[in-house]
Amino acid sequence: MNWVMREGRGWSQNDLAREAAVTHSAVARFEAGGTIPTLPVLERLARALDAQGPTVRPFSGG
């Protein structure tokens, strides 16, 4: 997660945490690189930040 996107919106870590329904400490750990968010949490963070990126689809095998 890129703190530049958060700060570009004028948001604090608390603001992002509230918008993405995660804890402040989780946002701080993600930004520091201490932990990696799960896919559902990453999706909530991306939605909160209006982030655009590649679409991830389940692998169907084959």
Protein backbone atom coordinates (compact mmCIF):
# COMPACT_ATOMS: atom_id res chain seq x y z
CA MET A 1 0.00 0.00 0.00
CA ASN A 2 1.32 3.40 -0.90
CA TRP A 3 1.10 6.15 1.73
CA VAL A 4 1.40 8.71 -1.08
CA MET A 5 -2.12 7.81 -2.22
CA ARG A 6 -3.46 8.30 1.30
CA GLU A 7 -1.66 11.59 1.87
CA GLY A 8 -2.66 12.76 -1.61
CA ARG A 9 -6.26 12.64 -0.41
CA GLY A 10 -5.32 14.60 2.69
CA TRP A 11 -6.14 11.60 4.87
CA SER A 12 -4.51 10.46 8.07
CA GLN A 13 -3.95 6.78 8.78
CA ASN A 14 -7.03 6.96 11.01
CA ASP A 15 -9.09 8.34 8.11
CA LEU A 16 -8.07 5.48 5.83
CA ALA A 17 -8.65 2.93 8.57
CA ARG A 18 -12.18 4.23 9.11
CA GLU A 19 -13.01 4.29 5.39
CA ALA A 20 -11.64 0.78 4.80
CA ALA A 21 -13.03 -0.69 8.04
CA VAL A 22 -9.64 -1.75 9.39
CA THR A 23 -7.72 -0.69 12.48
CA HIS A 24 -5.29 2.20 12.58
CA SER A 25 -2.54 -0.18 13.66
CA ALA A 26 -3.20 -2.35 10.59
CA VAL A 27 -2.80 0.65 8.26
CA ALA A 28 0.43 1.60 10.04
CA ARG A 29 1.80 -1.95 9.69
CA PHE A 30 0.86 -2.13 6.00
CA GLU A 31 2.53 1.20 5.26
CA ALA A 32 5.67 0.21 7.18
CA GLY A 33 5.84 -3.07 5.30
CA GLY A 34 5.51 -5.06 8.51
CA THR A 35 2.58 -7.11 7.24
CA ILE A 36 0.82 -7.72 3.95
CA PRO A 37 -2.96 -7.26 3.84
CA THR A 38 -5.17 -10.15 2.85
CA LEU A 39 -6.92 -9.86 -0.50
CA PRO A 40 -10.29 -8.83 1.03
CA VAL A 41 -8.57 -6.13 3.11
CA LEU A 42 -6.53 -4.98 0.12
CA GLU A 43 -9.74 -4.65 -1.90
CA ARG A 44 -11.32 -2.50 0.84
CA LEU A 45 -8.23 -0.30 0.99
CA ALA A 46 -8.23 0.09 -2.80
CA ARG A 47 -11.93 1.00 -2.84
CA ALA A 48 -11.43 3.53 -0.06
CA LEU A 49 -8.61 5.15 -2.05
CA ASP A 50 -10.38 4.84 -5.42
CA ALA A 51 -7.29 2.99 -6.61
CA GLN A 52 -7.20 1.48 -10.08
CA GLY A 53 -5.17 -1.58 -10.88
CA PRO A 54 -5.18 -4.90 -12.62
CA THR A 55 -8.18 -7.13 -12.16
CA VAL A 56 -7.43 -10.30 -10.26
CA ARG A 57 -9.46 -13.32 -11.26
CA PRO A 58 -9.39 -16.81 -9.82
CA PHE A 59 -7.29 -19.31 -11.74
CA SER A 60 -9.56 -21.86 -13.34
CA GLY A 61 -6.84 -24.37 -14.16
CA GLY A 62 -6.13 -25.95 -17.47
